[in-house]
Amino acid sequence: MPDRKEETFLIRIYDCQNATWQGSILWAERQQKTCFRSTLEMLSLIDEAVQLDRKEIGGNEDEEKTEEIVSE
């Protein structure tokens, strides 16, 4: 199993409307800041960042497992 790199995100909540958060998220390792309008969007941004970083350091194990299942 390849070594996994840790990711750091700084989340700032500016407001809470319609039972969800609005704010910004900073991906510390890349100094990229993005605003989000809902908690679901925030989680999606984190997931995209982690998936992107894993692809760059040697592939995604989940994709490899999916390919094996499909090919069988």
PDB file of N, CA and C in Angstrom:
ATOM      1  N   MET A   1       0.855  -1.181   0.000  1.00  0.00           N
ATOM      2  CA  MET A   1       0.000   0.000   0.000  1.00  0.00           C
ATOM      3  C   MET A   1       0.898   1.242   0.000  1.00  0.00           C
ATOM      4  N   PRO A   2       0.702   2.173  -0.940  1.00  0.00           N
ATOM      5  CA  PRO A   2       1.547   3.368  -0.987  1.00  0.00           C
ATOM      6  C   PRO A   2       1.299   4.267   0.220  1.00  0.00           C
ATOM      7  N   ASP A   3       2.344   5.039   0.550  1.00  0.00           N
ATOM      8  CA  ASP A   3       2.186   6.002   1.640  1.00  0.00           C
ATOM      9  C   ASP A   3       1.155   7.044   1.252  1.00  0.00           C
ATOM     10  N   ARG A   4       0.306   7.384   2.205  1.00  0.00           N
ATOM     11  CA  ARG A   4      -0.727   8.399   1.952  1.00  0.00           C
ATOM     12  C   ARG A   4      -0.273   9.722   2.548  1.00  0.00           C
ATOM     13  N   LYS A   5      -0.434  10.736   1.770  1.00  0.00           N
ATOM     14  CA  LYS A   5      -0.073  12.076   2.198  1.00  0.00           C
ATOM     15  C   LYS A   5      -1.249  12.707   2.935  1.00  0.00           C
ATOM     16  N   GLU A   6      -0.965  13.358   4.037  1.00  0.00           N
ATOM     17  CA  GLU A   6      -2.026  14.047   4.765  1.00  0.00           C
ATOM     18  C   GLU A   6      -2.333  15.376   4.092  1.00  0.00           C
ATOM     19  N   GLU A   7      -3.586  15.775   4.162  1.00  0.00           N
ATOM     20  CA  GLU A   7      -4.036  17.047   3.618  1.00  0.00           C
ATOM     21  C   GLU A   7      -4.546  17.916   4.766  1.00  0.00           C
ATOM     22  N   THR A   8      -4.337  19.212   4.649  1.00  0.00           N
ATOM     23  CA  THR A   8      -4.774  20.147   5.681  1.00  0.00           C
ATOM     24  C   THR A   8      -5.691  21.189   5.058  1.00  0.00           C
ATOM     25  N   PHE A   9      -6.864  21.363   5.673  1.00  0.00           N
ATOM     26  CA  PHE A   9      -7.828  22.343   5.198  1.00  0.00           C
ATOM     27  C   PHE A   9      -8.208  23.257   6.353  1.00  0.00           C
ATOM     28  N   LEU A  10      -8.228  24.551   6.092  1.00  0.00           N
ATOM     29  CA  LEU A  10      -8.689  25.532   7.062  1.00  0.00           C
ATOM     30  C   LEU A  10     -10.080  25.977   6.617  1.00  0.00           C
ATOM     31  N   ILE A  11     -11.061  25.724   7.461  1.00  0.00           N
ATOM     32  CA  ILE A  11     -12.448  26.027   7.118  1.00  0.00           C
ATOM     33  C   ILE A  11     -12.919  27.216   7.944  1.00  0.00           C
ATOM     34  N   ARG A  12     -13.445  28.218   7.269  1.00  0.00           N
ATOM     35  CA  ARG A  12     -14.015  29.385   7.941  1.00  0.00           C
ATOM     36  C   ARG A  12     -15.504  29.444   7.643  1.00  0.00           C
ATOM     37  N   ILE A  13     -16.286  29.449   8.694  1.00  0.00           N
ATOM     38  CA  ILE A  13     -17.735  29.535   8.562  1.00  0.00           C
ATOM     39  C   ILE A  13     -18.123  30.997   8.764  1.00  0.00           C
ATOM     40  N   TYR A  14     -18.701  31.604   7.728  1.00  0.00           N
ATOM     41  CA  TYR A  14     -19.096  33.005   7.799  1.00  0.00           C
ATOM     42  C   TYR A  14     -20.543  33.178   8.236  1.00  0.00           C
ATOM     43  N   ASP A  15     -21.378  32.214   7.865  1.00  0.00           N
ATOM     44  CA  ASP A  15     -22.807  32.355   8.137  1.00  0.00           C
ATOM     45  C   ASP A  15     -23.455  30.979   8.123  1.00  0.00           C
ATOM     46  N   CYS A  16     -24.640  30.924   8.684  1.00  0.00           N
ATOM     47  CA  CYS A  16     -25.432  29.696   8.655  1.00  0.00           C
ATOM     48  C   CYS A  16     -26.857  30.086   8.277  1.00  0.00           C
ATOM     49  N   GLN A  17     -27.242  29.774   7.042  1.00  0.00           N
ATOM     50  CA  GLN A  17     -28.583  30.080   6.557  1.00  0.00           C
ATOM     51  C   GLN A  17     -29.179  28.809   5.971  1.00  0.00           C
ATOM     52  N   ASN A  18     -30.490  28.672   6.102  1.00  0.00           N
ATOM     53  CA  ASN A  18     -31.198  27.506   5.558  1.00  0.00           C
ATOM     54  C   ASN A  18     -30.610  26.196   6.095  1.00  0.00           C
ATOM     55  N   ALA A  19     -30.221  26.203   7.361  1.00  0.00           N
ATOM     56  CA  ALA A  19     -29.704  25.017   8.056  1.00  0.00           C
ATOM     57  C   ALA A  19     -28.419  24.463   7.444  1.00  0.00           C
ATOM     58  N   THR A  20     -27.626  25.318   6.821  1.00  0.00           N
ATOM     59  CA  THR A  20     -26.341  24.870   6.279  1.00  0.00           C
ATOM     60  C   THR A  20     -25.318  25.996   6.378  1.00  0.00           C
ATOM     61  N   TRP A  21     -24.046  25.652   6.242  1.00  0.00           N
ATOM     62  CA  TRP A  21     -22.967  26.629   6.409  1.00  0.00           C
ATOM     63  C   TRP A  21     -22.596  27.286   5.084  1.00  0.00           C
ATOM     64  N   GLN A  22     -22.156  28.549   5.189  1.00  0.00           N
ATOM     65  CA  GLN A  22     -21.527  29.251   4.076  1.00  0.00           C
ATOM     66  C   GLN A  22     -20.182  29.743   4.600  1.00  0.00           C
ATOM     67  N   GLY A  23     -19.169  29.651   3.743  1.00  0.00           N
ATOM     68  CA  GLY A  23     -17.853  30.091   4.190  1.00  0.00           C
ATOM     69  C   GLY A  23     -16.797  29.859   3.139  1.00  0.00           C
ATOM     70  N   SER A  24     -15.564  29.681   3.607  1.00  0.00           N
ATOM     71  CA  SER A  24     -14.451  29.440   2.692  1.00  0.00           C
ATOM     72  C   SER A  24     -13.600  28.298   3.230  1.00  0.00           C
ATOM     73  N   ILE A  25     -12.888  27.683   2.306  1.00  0.00           N
ATOM     74  CA  ILE A  25     -11.989  26.586   2.661  1.00  0.00           C
ATOM     75  C   ILE A  25     -10.643  26.848   2.005  1.00  0.00           C
ATOM     76  N   LEU A  26      -9.591  26.721   2.790  1.00  0.00           N
ATOM     77  CA  LEU A  26      -8.231  26.929   2.296  1.00  0.00           C
ATOM     78  C   LEU A  26      -7.513  25.585   2.316  1.00  0.00           C
ATOM     79  N   TRP A  27      -7.030  25.147   1.162  1.00  0.00           N
ATOM     80  CA  TRP A  27      -6.214  23.933   1.070  1.00  0.00           C
ATOM     81  C   TRP A  27      -4.795  24.379   1.370  1.00  0.00           C
ATOM     82  N   ALA A  28      -4.323  24.099   2.571  1.00  0.00           N
ATOM     83  CA  ALA A  28      -3.071  24.664   3.083  1.00  0.00           C
ATOM     84  C   ALA A  28      -1.854  24.304   2.234  1.00  0.00           C
ATOM     85  N   GLU A  29      -1.745  23.058   1.799  1.00  0.00           N
ATOM     86  CA  GLU A  29      -0.555  22.637   1.053  1.00  0.00           C
ATOM     87  C   GLU A  29      -0.399  23.375  -0.278  1.00  0.00           C
ATOM     88  N   ARG A  30      -1.497  23.790  -0.879  1.00  0.00           N
ATOM     89  CA  ARG A  30      -1.437  24.478  -2.180  1.00  0.00           C
ATOM     90  C   ARG A  30      -1.799  25.954  -2.099  1.00  0.00           C
ATOM     91  N   GLN A  31      -2.175  26.416  -0.915  1.00  0.00           N
ATOM     92  CA  GLN A  31      -2.587  27.807  -0.729  1.00  0.00           C
ATOM     93  C   GLN A  31      -3.720  28.189  -1.684  1.00  0.00           C
ATOM     94  N   GLN A  32      -4.677  27.269  -1.886  1.00  0.00           N
ATOM     95  CA  GLN A  32      -5.844  27.530  -2.727  1.00  0.00           C
ATOM     96  C   GLN A  32      -7.054  27.768  -1.827  1.00  0.00           C
ATOM     97  N   LYS A  33      -7.739  28.869  -2.077  1.00  0.00           N
ATOM     98  CA  LYS A  33      -8.915  29.212  -1.282  1.00  0.00           C
ATOM     99  C   LYS A  33     -10.150  29.206  -2.180  1.00  0.00           C
ATOM    100  N   THR A  34     -11.216  28.588  -1.683  1.00  0.00           N
ATOM    101  CA  THR A  34     -12.469  28.505  -2.422  1.00  0.00           C
ATOM    102  C   THR A  34     -13.627  28.765  -1.470  1.00  0.00           C
ATOM    103  N   CYS A  35     -14.618  29.481  -1.942  1.00  0.00           N
ATOM    104  CA  CYS A  35     -15.817  29.712  -1.133  1.00  0.00           C
ATOM    105  C   CYS A  35     -16.824  28.594  -1.385  1.00  0.00           C
ATOM    106  N   PHE A  36     -17.629  28.292  -0.377  1.00  0.00           N
ATOM    107  CA  PHE A  36     -18.682  27.300  -0.526  1.00  0.00           C
ATOM    108  C   PHE A  36     -19.991  27.871  -0.001  1.00  0.00           C
ATOM    109  N   ARG A  37     -21.108  27.343  -0.540  1.00  0.00           N
ATOM    110  CA  ARG A  37     -22.442  27.845  -0.190  1.00  0.00           C
ATOM    111  C   ARG A  37     -23.239  26.873   0.661  1.00  0.00           C
ATOM    112  N   SER A  38     -22.708  25.662   0.852  1.00  0.00           N
ATOM    113  CA  SER A  38     -23.418  24.676   1.670  1.00  0.00           C
ATOM    114  C   SER A  38     -22.410  23.687   2.246  1.00  0.00           C
ATOM    115  N   THR A  39     -22.843  22.999   3.278  1.00  0.00           N
ATOM    116  CA  THR A  39     -21.984  21.994   3.889  1.00  0.00           C
ATOM    117  C   THR A  39     -21.666  20.883   2.893  1.00  0.00           C
ATOM    118  N   LEU A  40     -22.638  20.496   2.103  1.00  0.00           N
ATOM    119  CA  LEU A  40     -22.413  19.466   1.094  1.00  0.00           C
ATOM    120  C   LEU A  40     -21.375  19.915   0.069  1.00  0.00           C
ATOM    121  N   GLU A  41     -21.456  21.160  -0.362  1.00  0.00           N
ATOM    122  CA  GLU A  41     -20.468  21.682  -1.309  1.00  0.00           C
ATOM    123  C   GLU A  41     -19.082  21.695  -0.679  1.00  0.00           C
ATOM    124  N   MET A  42     -18.972  22.043   0.611  1.00  0.00           N
ATOM    125  CA  MET A  42     -17.694  22.040   1.314  1.00  0.00           C
ATOM    126  C   MET A  42     -17.090  20.637   1.321  1.00  0.00           C
ATOM    127  N   LEU A  43     -17.897  19.635   1.653  1.00  0.00           N
ATOM    128  CA  LEU A  43     -17.402  18.258   1.664  1.00  0.00           C
ATOM    129  C   LEU A  43     -16.990  17.800   0.270  1.00  0.00           C
ATOM    130  N   SER A  44     -17.727  18.231  -0.728  1.00  0.00           N
ATOM    131  CA  SER A  44     -17.391  17.885  -2.106  1.00  0.00           C
ATOM    132  C   SER A  44     -16.046  18.489  -2.512  1.00  0.00           C
ATOM    133  N   LEU A  45     -15.794  19.717  -2.106  1.00  0.00           N
ATOM    134  CA  LEU A  45     -14.513  20.369  -2.405  1.00  0.00           C
ATOM    135  C   LEU A  45     -13.350  19.632  -1.750  1.00  0.00           C
ATOM    136  N   ILE A  46     -13.534  19.207  -0.511  1.00  0.00           N
ATOM    137  CA  ILE A  46     -12.487  18.453   0.180  1.00  0.00           C
ATOM    138  C   ILE A  46     -12.236  17.132  -0.541  1.00  0.00           C
ATOM    139  N   ASP A  47     -13.305  16.440  -0.898  1.00  0.00           N
ATOM    140  CA  ASP A  47     -13.173  15.163  -1.593  1.00  0.00           C
ATOM    141  C   ASP A  47     -12.440  15.330  -2.920  1.00  0.00           C
ATOM    142  N   GLU A  48     -12.798  16.343  -3.691  1.00  0.00           N
ATOM    143  CA  GLU A  48     -12.131  16.599  -4.975  1.00  0.00           C
ATOM    144  C   GLU A  48     -10.648  16.864  -4.781  1.00  0.00           C
ATOM    145  N   ALA A  49     -10.290  17.637  -3.765  1.00  0.00           N
ATOM    146  CA  ALA A  49      -8.890  17.962  -3.506  1.00  0.00           C
ATOM    147  C   ALA A  49      -8.093  16.713  -3.144  1.00  0.00           C
ATOM    148  N   VAL A  50      -8.650  15.881  -2.278  1.00  0.00           N
ATOM    149  CA  VAL A  50      -7.958  14.655  -1.866  1.00  0.00           C
ATOM    150  C   VAL A  50      -7.809  13.709  -3.052  1.00  0.00           C
ATOM    151  N   GLN A  51      -8.853  13.556  -3.853  1.00  0.00           N
ATOM    152  CA  GLN A  51      -8.781  12.682  -5.025  1.00  0.00           C
ATOM    153  C   GLN A  51      -7.745  13.196  -6.022  1.00  0.00           C
ATOM    154  N   LEU A  52      -7.715  14.500  -6.254  1.00  0.00           N
ATOM    155  CA  LEU A  52      -6.745  15.103  -7.162  1.00  0.00           C
ATOM    156  C   LEU A  52      -5.328  14.839  -6.675  1.00  0.00           C
ATOM    157  N   ASP A  53      -5.090  15.038  -5.396  1.00  0.00           N
ATOM    158  CA  ASP A  53      -3.757  14.847  -4.850  1.00  0.00           C
ATOM    159  C   ASP A  53      -3.330  13.382  -4.919  1.00  0.00           C
ATOM    160  N   ARG A  54      -4.239  12.472  -4.664  1.00  0.00           N
ATOM    161  CA  ARG A  54      -3.911  11.038  -4.720  1.00  0.00           C
ATOM    162  C   ARG A  54      -3.575  10.606  -6.143  1.00  0.00           C
ATOM    163  N   LYS A  55      -4.276  11.156  -7.119  1.00  0.00           N
ATOM    164  CA  LYS A  55      -3.970  10.830  -8.517  1.00  0.00           C
ATOM    165  C   LYS A  55      -2.574  11.310  -8.884  1.00  0.00           C
ATOM    166  N   GLU A  56      -2.191  12.474  -8.368  1.00  0.00           N
ATOM    167  CA  GLU A  56      -0.892  13.040  -8.687  1.00  0.00           C
ATOM    168  C   GLU A  56       0.260  12.273  -8.044  1.00  0.00           C
ATOM    169  N   ILE A  57       0.005  11.593  -6.911  1.00  0.00           N
ATOM    170  CA  ILE A  57       1.098  10.875  -6.247  1.00  0.00           C
ATOM    171  C   ILE A  57       1.108   9.380  -6.541  1.00  0.00           C
ATOM    172  N   GLY A  58       0.359   8.961  -7.541  1.00  0.00           N
ATOM    173  CA  GLY A  58       0.492   7.571  -7.909  1.00  0.00           C
ATOM    174  C   GLY A  58      -0.783   6.802  -8.099  1.00  0.00           C
ATOM    175  N   GLY A  59      -1.860   7.470  -8.353  1.00  0.00           N
ATOM    176  CA  GLY A  59      -3.085   6.753  -8.660  1.00  0.00           C
ATOM    177  C   GLY A  59      -4.008   6.627  -7.478  1.00  0.00           C
ATOM    178  N   ASN A  60      -5.219   6.204  -7.799  1.00  0.00           N
ATOM    179  CA  ASN A  60      -6.270   6.055  -6.809  1.00  0.00           C
ATOM    180  C   ASN A  60      -6.577   4.575  -6.645  1.00  0.00           C
ATOM    181  N   GLU A  61      -6.424   4.056  -5.437  1.00  0.00           N
ATOM    182  CA  GLU A  61      -6.667   2.642  -5.192  1.00  0.00           C
ATOM    183  C   GLU A  61      -8.101   2.253  -5.499  1.00  0.00           C
ATOM    184  N   ASP A  62      -9.059   3.126  -5.218  1.00  0.00           N
ATOM    185  CA  ASP A  62     -10.462   2.820  -5.483  1.00  0.00           C
ATOM    186  C   ASP A  62     -10.699   2.608  -6.969  1.00  0.00           C
ATOM    187  N   GLU A  63     -10.092   3.429  -7.810  1.00  0.00           N
ATOM    188  CA  GLU A  63     -10.259   3.272  -9.249  1.00  0.00           C
ATOM    189  C   GLU A  63      -9.671   1.953  -9.712  1.00  0.00           C
ATOM    190  N   GLU A  64      -8.503   1.558  -9.146  1.00  0.00           N
ATOM    191  CA  GLU A  64      -7.881   0.300  -9.518  1.00  0.00           C
ATOM    192  C   GLU A  64      -8.784  -0.871  -9.147  1.00  0.00           C
ATOM    193  N   LYS A  65      -9.399  -0.829  -7.969  1.00  0.00           N
ATOM    194  CA  LYS A  65     -10.295  -1.894  -7.539  1.00  0.00           C
ATOM    195  C   LYS A  65     -11.507  -1.964  -8.457  1.00  0.00           C
ATOM    196  N   THR A  66     -12.041  -0.812  -8.867  1.00  0.00           N
ATOM    197  CA  THR A  66     -13.195  -0.782  -9.757  1.00  0.00           C
ATOM    198  C   THR A  66     -12.838  -1.410 -11.100  1.00  0.00           C
ATOM    199  N   GLU A  67     -11.657  -1.098 -11.622  1.00  0.00           N
ATOM    200  CA  GLU A  67     -11.239  -1.655 -12.893  1.00  0.00           C
ATOM    201  C   GLU A  67     -11.118  -3.174 -12.803  1.00  0.00           C
ATOM    202  N   GLU A  68     -10.592  -3.696 -11.676  1.00  0.00           N
ATOM    203  CA  GLU A  68     -10.452  -5.131 -11.506  1.00  0.00           C
ATOM    204  C   GLU A  68     -11.820  -5.806 -11.495  1.00  0.00           C
ATOM    205  N   ILE A  69     -12.772  -5.231 -10.808  1.00  0.00           N
ATOM    206  CA  ILE A  69     -14.101  -5.814 -10.720  1.00  0.00           C
ATOM    207  C   ILE A  69     -14.776  -5.819 -12.081  1.00  0.00           C
ATOM    208  N   VAL A  70     -14.658  -4.720 -12.816  1.00  0.00           N
ATOM    209  CA  VAL A  70     -15.281  -4.619 -14.134  1.00  0.00           C
ATOM    210  C   VAL A  70     -14.649  -5.598 -15.104  1.00  0.00           C
ATOM    211  N   SER A  71     -13.328  -5.785 -15.049  1.00  0.00           N
ATOM    212  CA  SER A  71     -12.654  -6.648 -16.001  1.00  0.00           C
ATOM    213  C   SER A  71     -12.912  -8.122 -15.747  1.00  0.00           C
ATOM    214  N   GLU A  72     -13.311  -8.487 -14.529  1.00  0.00           N
ATOM    215  CA  GLU A  72     -13.570  -9.893 -14.211  1.00  0.00           C
ATOM    216  C   GLU A  72     -14.867 -10.310 -14.750  1.00  0.00           C
TER     217      GLU A  72
END
